[in-house]
Amino acid sequence: MNFRKRQRPQVRVHTDALNDIMFFLLLFFLLASAVVNPNVVKLFLPRSSSGQAVPQKTINVSITKDLQYYVEKEPVPFEALEQKILPYQQANPELTIILYADRTIAIENIVNLTDIANKLRVKLVLATETKE
């Protein structure tokens, strides 16, 4: 009887190329997610359990917690807000304003912007985050 162990060849899977591909995919998705919506100012938005479809003809208006107003990432004083929105409304009568307001500001500031939108006959939508 022959009790010697047979040596089997070792099987190896080389994953070096797969690691490179996964790294580049991860890098791509991280960069892509950072530039998803570059027209907004970073805010903490209020939460909502239902989402809404965003109309095609829109502009972004943001209000920070320091009561700084932005129209399409451009700072605008509140007194000049109506004159800043007016050219957008004249170019597109079906304009919709997407309002990104920090959750800590007083509702009075949102109502003031709503008055401007009503005066210009423009729709106004309040942006929210979805609950997860």
N, C-alpha and C. Protein backbone atom coordinates (compact mmCIF):
# COMPACT_ATOMS: atom_id res chain seq x y z
N MET A 1 0.83 -1.17 0.00
CA MET A 1 0.00 0.00 0.00
C MET A 1 0.88 1.23 0.00
N ASN A 2 0.38 2.17 -0.74
CA ASN A 2 1.11 3.43 -0.87
C ASN A 2 0.37 4.50 -0.07
N PHE A 3 0.95 4.94 1.07
CA PHE A 3 0.31 5.91 1.94
C PHE A 3 0.82 7.34 1.73
N ARG A 4 1.52 7.54 0.70
CA ARG A 4 2.02 8.89 0.43
C ARG A 4 0.88 9.79 -0.02
N LYS A 5 0.95 11.02 0.46
CA LYS A 5 -0.08 11.99 0.06
C LYS A 5 0.27 12.54 -1.30
N ARG A 6 -0.74 12.66 -2.09
CA ARG A 6 -0.53 13.29 -3.39
C ARG A 6 -0.62 14.79 -3.22
N GLN A 7 0.24 15.49 -3.87
CA GLN A 7 0.19 16.94 -3.82
C GLN A 7 -0.68 17.45 -4.96
N ARG A 8 -1.68 18.18 -4.57
CA ARG A 8 -2.58 18.75 -5.56
C ARG A 8 -2.08 20.14 -5.94
N PRO A 9 -2.31 20.55 -7.17
CA PRO A 9 -1.91 21.91 -7.55
C PRO A 9 -2.80 22.93 -6.85
N GLN A 10 -2.21 24.06 -6.46
CA GLN A 10 -2.97 25.10 -5.77
C GLN A 10 -3.72 25.93 -6.80
N VAL A 11 -4.94 26.26 -6.44
CA VAL A 11 -5.78 27.08 -7.31
C VAL A 11 -5.80 28.49 -6.74
N ARG A 12 -5.51 29.47 -7.58
CA ARG A 12 -5.51 30.85 -7.14
C ARG A 12 -6.37 31.68 -8.09
N VAL A 13 -7.11 32.59 -7.49
CA VAL A 13 -7.90 33.54 -8.28
C VAL A 13 -7.26 34.90 -8.09
N HIS A 14 -6.81 35.48 -9.16
CA HIS A 14 -6.17 36.78 -9.09
C HIS A 14 -7.24 37.86 -9.21
N THR A 15 -7.40 38.63 -8.14
CA THR A 15 -8.45 39.65 -8.11
C THR A 15 -7.89 41.06 -8.20
N ASP A 16 -6.66 41.21 -8.57
CA ASP A 16 -6.06 42.54 -8.66
C ASP A 16 -6.80 43.43 -9.65
N ALA A 17 -7.12 42.91 -10.81
CA ALA A 17 -7.83 43.69 -11.81
C ALA A 17 -9.24 44.03 -11.34
N LEU A 18 -9.88 43.11 -10.65
CA LEU A 18 -11.23 43.38 -10.14
C LEU A 18 -11.20 44.47 -9.08
N ASN A 19 -10.18 44.49 -8.25
CA ASN A 19 -10.07 45.53 -7.24
C ASN A 19 -9.93 46.91 -7.89
N ASP A 20 -9.15 47.00 -8.94
CA ASP A 20 -8.98 48.26 -9.65
C ASP A 20 -10.30 48.74 -10.24
N ILE A 21 -11.04 47.83 -10.84
CA ILE A 21 -12.32 48.18 -11.44
C ILE A 21 -13.30 48.66 -10.37
N MET A 22 -13.36 47.97 -9.24
CA MET A 22 -14.27 48.37 -8.16
C MET A 22 -13.88 49.73 -7.60
N PHE A 23 -12.59 49.99 -7.49
CA PHE A 23 -12.14 51.29 -7.00
C PHE A 23 -12.57 52.40 -7.95
N PHE A 24 -12.41 52.22 -9.25
CA PHE A 24 -12.79 53.25 -10.20
C PHE A 24 -14.31 53.44 -10.25
N LEU A 25 -15.07 52.38 -10.11
CA LEU A 25 -16.53 52.52 -10.06
C LEU A 25 -16.95 53.29 -8.81
N LEU A 26 -16.36 52.98 -7.68
CA LEU A 26 -16.68 53.69 -6.45
C LEU A 26 -16.33 55.16 -6.57
N LEU A 27 -15.18 55.45 -7.13
CA LEU A 27 -14.76 56.84 -7.32
C LEU A 27 -15.70 57.58 -8.26
N PHE A 28 -16.10 56.92 -9.33
CA PHE A 28 -17.03 57.53 -10.28
C PHE A 28 -18.36 57.88 -9.62
N PHE A 29 -18.93 56.95 -8.85
CA PHE A 29 -20.23 57.21 -8.22
C PHE A 29 -20.13 58.26 -7.13
N LEU A 30 -19.03 58.31 -6.42
CA LEU A 30 -18.86 59.36 -5.42
C LEU A 30 -18.79 60.74 -6.07
N LEU A 31 -18.05 60.85 -7.15
CA LEU A 31 -17.97 62.13 -7.84
C LEU A 31 -19.30 62.50 -8.50
N ALA A 32 -19.98 61.53 -9.07
CA ALA A 32 -21.26 61.79 -9.72
C ALA A 32 -22.31 62.24 -8.70
N SER A 33 -22.30 61.66 -7.51
CA SER A 33 -23.29 62.05 -6.50
C SER A 33 -23.00 63.44 -5.93
N ALA A 34 -21.77 63.89 -6.00
CA ALA A 34 -21.43 65.21 -5.48
C ALA A 34 -21.92 66.33 -6.40
N VAL A 35 -22.13 66.04 -7.67
CA VAL A 35 -22.54 67.07 -8.62
C VAL A 35 -23.94 66.82 -9.17
N VAL A 36 -24.76 66.10 -8.43
CA VAL A 36 -26.10 65.78 -8.91
C VAL A 36 -26.92 67.04 -9.13
N ASN A 37 -26.94 67.95 -8.18
CA ASN A 37 -27.71 69.18 -8.32
C ASN A 37 -26.84 70.36 -7.88
N PRO A 38 -26.05 70.91 -8.79
CA PRO A 38 -25.13 71.98 -8.38
C PRO A 38 -25.79 73.34 -8.23
N ASN A 39 -27.09 73.49 -8.49
CA ASN A 39 -27.75 74.79 -8.45
C ASN A 39 -28.40 75.10 -7.11
N VAL A 40 -28.05 74.38 -6.07
CA VAL A 40 -28.66 74.63 -4.78
C VAL A 40 -27.61 74.97 -3.74
N VAL A 41 -28.02 75.68 -2.74
CA VAL A 41 -27.18 76.02 -1.60
C VAL A 41 -27.41 74.94 -0.56
N LYS A 42 -26.36 74.50 0.12
CA LYS A 42 -26.47 73.42 1.09
C LYS A 42 -27.26 73.89 2.30
N LEU A 43 -28.42 73.24 2.55
CA LEU A 43 -29.31 73.58 3.65
C LEU A 43 -29.81 72.32 4.32
N PHE A 44 -30.31 72.46 5.54
CA PHE A 44 -31.02 71.38 6.20
C PHE A 44 -32.50 71.59 5.93
N LEU A 45 -33.07 70.76 5.04
CA LEU A 45 -34.46 70.93 4.62
C LEU A 45 -35.41 70.22 5.57
N PRO A 46 -36.66 70.72 5.68
CA PRO A 46 -37.66 69.99 6.46
C PRO A 46 -37.99 68.67 5.78
N ARG A 47 -38.52 67.73 6.52
CA ARG A 47 -38.79 66.39 5.98
C ARG A 47 -40.27 66.25 5.59
N SER A 48 -40.50 65.39 4.59
CA SER A 48 -41.85 65.12 4.11
C SER A 48 -41.96 63.64 3.79
N SER A 49 -43.13 63.05 4.03
CA SER A 49 -43.29 61.62 3.74
C SER A 49 -43.69 61.37 2.29
N SER A 50 -44.11 62.41 1.59
CA SER A 50 -44.46 62.22 0.17
C SER A 50 -43.63 63.17 -0.68
N GLY A 51 -43.22 62.70 -1.82
CA GLY A 51 -42.43 63.53 -2.73
C GLY A 51 -43.29 64.01 -3.88
N GLN A 52 -42.84 65.04 -4.57
CA GLN A 52 -43.58 65.55 -5.71
C GLN A 52 -42.67 65.61 -6.91
N ALA A 53 -43.27 65.53 -8.10
CA ALA A 53 -42.51 65.67 -9.32
C ALA A 53 -42.11 67.13 -9.50
N VAL A 54 -40.91 67.35 -10.00
CA VAL A 54 -40.41 68.70 -10.18
C VAL A 54 -40.72 69.17 -11.60
N PRO A 55 -41.40 70.31 -11.76
CA PRO A 55 -41.70 70.80 -13.10
C PRO A 55 -40.42 71.13 -13.87
N GLN A 56 -40.51 71.14 -15.19
CA GLN A 56 -39.34 71.38 -16.03
C GLN A 56 -38.88 72.82 -16.02
N LYS A 57 -39.78 73.77 -15.95
CA LYS A 57 -39.43 75.19 -16.05
C LYS A 57 -39.34 75.78 -14.65
N THR A 58 -38.16 75.65 -14.06
CA THR A 58 -38.01 76.04 -12.66
C THR A 58 -36.77 76.90 -12.45
N ILE A 59 -36.80 77.64 -11.33
CA ILE A 59 -35.60 78.29 -10.81
C ILE A 59 -35.52 77.95 -9.33
N ASN A 60 -34.32 77.98 -8.80
CA ASN A 60 -34.11 77.65 -7.40
C ASN A 60 -33.89 78.93 -6.60
N VAL A 61 -34.66 79.07 -5.53
CA VAL A 61 -34.48 80.17 -4.59
C VAL A 61 -34.21 79.54 -3.23
N SER A 62 -33.13 79.98 -2.59
CA SER A 62 -32.73 79.41 -1.31
C SER A 62 -32.70 80.49 -0.24
N ILE A 63 -33.09 80.08 0.98
CA ILE A 63 -33.01 80.96 2.13
C ILE A 63 -32.20 80.21 3.19
N THR A 64 -31.06 80.78 3.58
CA THR A 64 -30.23 80.13 4.59
C THR A 64 -30.72 80.49 5.99
N LYS A 65 -30.14 79.85 6.99
CA LYS A 65 -30.55 80.13 8.37
C LYS A 65 -30.15 81.55 8.79
N ASP A 66 -29.22 82.18 8.07
CA ASP A 66 -28.81 83.56 8.34
C ASP A 66 -29.64 84.56 7.54
N LEU A 67 -30.74 84.09 6.94
CA LEU A 67 -31.64 84.90 6.11
C LEU A 67 -30.92 85.52 4.90
N GLN A 68 -30.03 84.76 4.31
CA GLN A 68 -29.40 85.14 3.06
C GLN A 68 -30.22 84.51 1.93
N TYR A 69 -30.60 85.31 0.95
CA TYR A 69 -31.42 84.84 -0.17
C TYR A 69 -30.52 84.59 -1.38
N TYR A 70 -30.79 83.49 -2.08
CA TYR A 70 -30.03 83.13 -3.27
C TYR A 70 -31.01 82.77 -4.38
N VAL A 71 -30.75 83.29 -5.58
CA VAL A 71 -31.50 82.90 -6.77
C VAL A 71 -30.50 82.25 -7.70
N GLU A 72 -30.68 80.95 -7.93
CA GLU A 72 -29.75 80.17 -8.75
C GLU A 72 -28.31 80.35 -8.27
N LYS A 73 -28.08 80.17 -6.98
CA LYS A 73 -26.77 80.24 -6.32
C LYS A 73 -26.15 81.63 -6.32
N GLU A 74 -26.89 82.65 -6.70
CA GLU A 74 -26.38 84.02 -6.70
C GLU A 74 -27.03 84.77 -5.54
N PRO A 75 -26.23 85.34 -4.62
CA PRO A 75 -26.82 86.05 -3.48
C PRO A 75 -27.57 87.31 -3.93
N VAL A 76 -28.75 87.49 -3.35
CA VAL A 76 -29.62 88.62 -3.70
C VAL A 76 -30.21 89.16 -2.40
N PRO A 77 -30.18 90.48 -2.19
CA PRO A 77 -30.87 91.03 -1.01
C PRO A 77 -32.39 90.87 -1.18
N PHE A 78 -33.10 90.79 -0.07
CA PHE A 78 -34.55 90.56 -0.14
C PHE A 78 -35.27 91.64 -0.93
N GLU A 79 -34.82 92.87 -0.81
CA GLU A 79 -35.47 93.98 -1.50
C GLU A 79 -35.37 93.84 -3.02
N ALA A 80 -34.33 93.19 -3.52
CA ALA A 80 -34.13 93.04 -4.96
C ALA A 80 -34.60 91.69 -5.48
N LEU A 81 -35.23 90.91 -4.63
CA LEU A 81 -35.65 89.56 -5.01
C LEU A 81 -36.69 89.58 -6.14
N GLU A 82 -37.66 90.47 -6.03
CA GLU A 82 -38.71 90.53 -7.05
C GLU A 82 -38.13 90.92 -8.41
N GLN A 83 -37.22 91.89 -8.44
CA GLN A 83 -36.61 92.31 -9.70
C GLN A 83 -35.72 91.21 -10.27
N LYS A 84 -35.15 90.38 -9.43
CA LYS A 84 -34.30 89.28 -9.89
C LYS A 84 -35.12 88.15 -10.51
N ILE A 85 -36.32 87.89 -9.96
CA ILE A 85 -37.17 86.81 -10.46
C ILE A 85 -37.95 87.24 -11.70
N LEU A 86 -38.25 88.52 -11.82
CA LEU A 86 -39.08 89.03 -12.92
C LEU A 86 -38.57 88.64 -14.31
N PRO A 87 -37.29 88.75 -14.64
CA PRO A 87 -36.85 88.33 -15.99
C PRO A 87 -37.08 86.84 -16.27
N TYR A 88 -36.94 86.00 -15.25
CA TYR A 88 -37.22 84.57 -15.43
C TYR A 88 -38.70 84.36 -15.75
N GLN A 89 -39.56 85.12 -15.07
CA GLN A 89 -41.00 84.99 -15.28
C GLN A 89 -41.39 85.49 -16.66
N GLN A 90 -40.77 86.57 -17.12
CA GLN A 90 -41.09 87.11 -18.45
C GLN A 90 -40.61 86.17 -19.55
N ALA A 91 -39.50 85.49 -19.33
CA ALA A 91 -38.99 84.55 -20.32
C ALA A 91 -39.83 83.28 -20.38
N ASN A 92 -40.44 82.92 -19.25
CA ASN A 92 -41.24 81.70 -19.20
C ASN A 92 -42.45 81.92 -18.30
N PRO A 93 -43.63 82.17 -18.86
CA PRO A 93 -44.82 82.44 -18.05
C PRO A 93 -45.25 81.28 -17.15
N GLU A 94 -44.84 80.06 -17.48
CA GLU A 94 -45.20 78.89 -16.67
C GLU A 94 -44.11 78.55 -15.67
N LEU A 95 -43.40 79.54 -15.20
CA LEU A 95 -42.28 79.37 -14.30
C LEU A 95 -42.74 78.86 -12.93
N THR A 96 -41.91 78.01 -12.34
CA THR A 96 -42.13 77.52 -10.99
C THR A 96 -40.88 77.78 -10.18
N ILE A 97 -41.06 78.35 -8.99
CA ILE A 97 -39.94 78.58 -8.08
C ILE A 97 -39.87 77.41 -7.12
N ILE A 98 -38.69 76.81 -7.02
CA ILE A 98 -38.48 75.77 -6.02
C ILE A 98 -37.76 76.45 -4.86
N LEU A 99 -38.43 76.49 -3.73
CA LEU A 99 -37.91 77.19 -2.56
C LEU A 99 -37.20 76.22 -1.64
N TYR A 100 -35.91 76.43 -1.45
CA TYR A 100 -35.11 75.66 -0.51
C TYR A 100 -34.89 76.55 0.71
N ALA A 101 -35.66 76.30 1.76
CA ALA A 101 -35.59 77.12 2.97
C ALA A 101 -35.07 76.27 4.12
N ASP A 102 -34.15 76.80 4.88
CA ASP A 102 -33.64 76.11 6.05
C ASP A 102 -34.78 75.89 7.03
N ARG A 103 -34.79 74.76 7.70
CA ARG A 103 -35.92 74.43 8.58
C ARG A 103 -35.97 75.28 9.83
N THR A 104 -34.92 76.03 10.13
CA THR A 104 -34.89 76.82 11.36
C THR A 104 -35.39 78.25 11.18
N ILE A 105 -35.67 78.67 9.94
CA ILE A 105 -36.10 80.07 9.75
C ILE A 105 -37.58 80.22 10.07
N ALA A 106 -37.98 81.44 10.35
CA ALA A 106 -39.38 81.73 10.67
C ALA A 106 -40.24 81.62 9.41
N ILE A 107 -41.47 81.21 9.60
CA ILE A 107 -42.40 81.03 8.49
C ILE A 107 -42.70 82.37 7.81
N GLU A 108 -42.51 83.47 8.52
CA GLU A 108 -42.76 84.79 7.95
C GLU A 108 -41.89 85.05 6.72
N ASN A 109 -40.66 84.56 6.74
CA ASN A 109 -39.77 84.74 5.59
C ASN A 109 -40.26 83.97 4.37
N ILE A 110 -40.83 82.79 4.60
CA ILE A 110 -41.38 82.01 3.49
C ILE A 110 -42.63 82.69 2.96
N VAL A 111 -43.46 83.23 3.86
CA VAL A 111 -44.68 83.92 3.44
C VAL A 111 -44.33 85.17 2.62
N ASN A 112 -43.27 85.88 3.00
CA ASN A 112 -42.85 87.05 2.21
C ASN A 112 -42.48 86.65 0.79
N LEU A 113 -41.78 85.54 0.63
CA LEU A 113 -41.44 85.06 -0.71
C LEU A 113 -42.68 84.56 -1.45
N THR A 114 -43.63 83.98 -0.72
CA THR A 114 -44.89 83.55 -1.33
C THR A 114 -45.66 84.76 -1.86
N ASP A 115 -45.64 85.87 -1.14
CA ASP A 115 -46.29 87.09 -1.61
C ASP A 115 -45.67 87.59 -2.92
N ILE A 116 -44.35 87.53 -3.00
CA ILE A 116 -43.68 87.94 -4.24
C ILE A 116 -44.08 87.02 -5.39
N ALA A 117 -44.13 85.71 -5.14
CA ALA A 117 -44.53 84.76 -6.18
C ALA A 117 -45.97 85.00 -6.62
N ASN A 118 -46.86 85.28 -5.68
CA ASN A 118 -48.25 85.56 -6.03
C ASN A 118 -48.37 86.85 -6.84
N LYS A 119 -47.59 87.85 -6.48
CA LYS A 119 -47.62 89.11 -7.21
C LYS A 119 -47.16 88.93 -8.65
N LEU A 120 -46.16 88.07 -8.85
CA LEU A 120 -45.64 87.80 -10.20
C LEU A 120 -46.41 86.70 -10.93
N ARG A 121 -47.40 86.12 -10.25
CA ARG A 121 -48.19 85.00 -10.80
C ARG A 121 -47.30 83.82 -11.19
N VAL A 122 -46.46 83.44 -10.23
CA VAL A 122 -45.53 82.34 -10.41
C VAL A 122 -45.86 81.27 -9.37
N LYS A 123 -45.79 80.00 -9.77
CA LYS A 123 -46.00 78.90 -8.83
C LYS A 123 -44.79 78.79 -7.91
N LEU A 124 -45.06 78.40 -6.66
CA LEU A 124 -43.99 78.23 -5.68
C LEU A 124 -44.13 76.87 -5.03
N VAL A 125 -43.02 76.12 -4.99
CA VAL A 125 -43.01 74.79 -4.39
C VAL A 125 -41.92 74.78 -3.32
N LEU A 126 -42.26 74.27 -2.14
CA LEU A 126 -41.31 74.17 -1.04
C LEU A 126 -40.59 72.83 -1.13
N ALA A 127 -39.27 72.87 -1.23
CA ALA A 127 -38.47 71.64 -1.32
C ALA A 127 -38.35 71.02 0.07
N THR A 128 -38.43 69.69 0.13
CA THR A 128 -38.29 68.96 1.38
C THR A 128 -37.40 67.74 1.15
N GLU A 129 -36.92 67.17 2.24
CA GLU A 129 -36.21 65.90 2.19
C GLU A 129 -37.22 64.80 2.50
N THR A 130 -36.99 63.61 1.95
CA THR A 130 -37.88 62.50 2.26
C THR A 130 -37.43 61.83 3.56
N LYS A 131 -38.39 61.30 4.30
CA LYS A 131 -38.08 60.61 5.55
C LYS A 131 -37.56 59.22 5.22
N GLU A 132 -36.53 58.82 5.92
CA GLU A 132 -36.00 57.48 5.70
C GLU A 132 -35.90 56.72 6.98
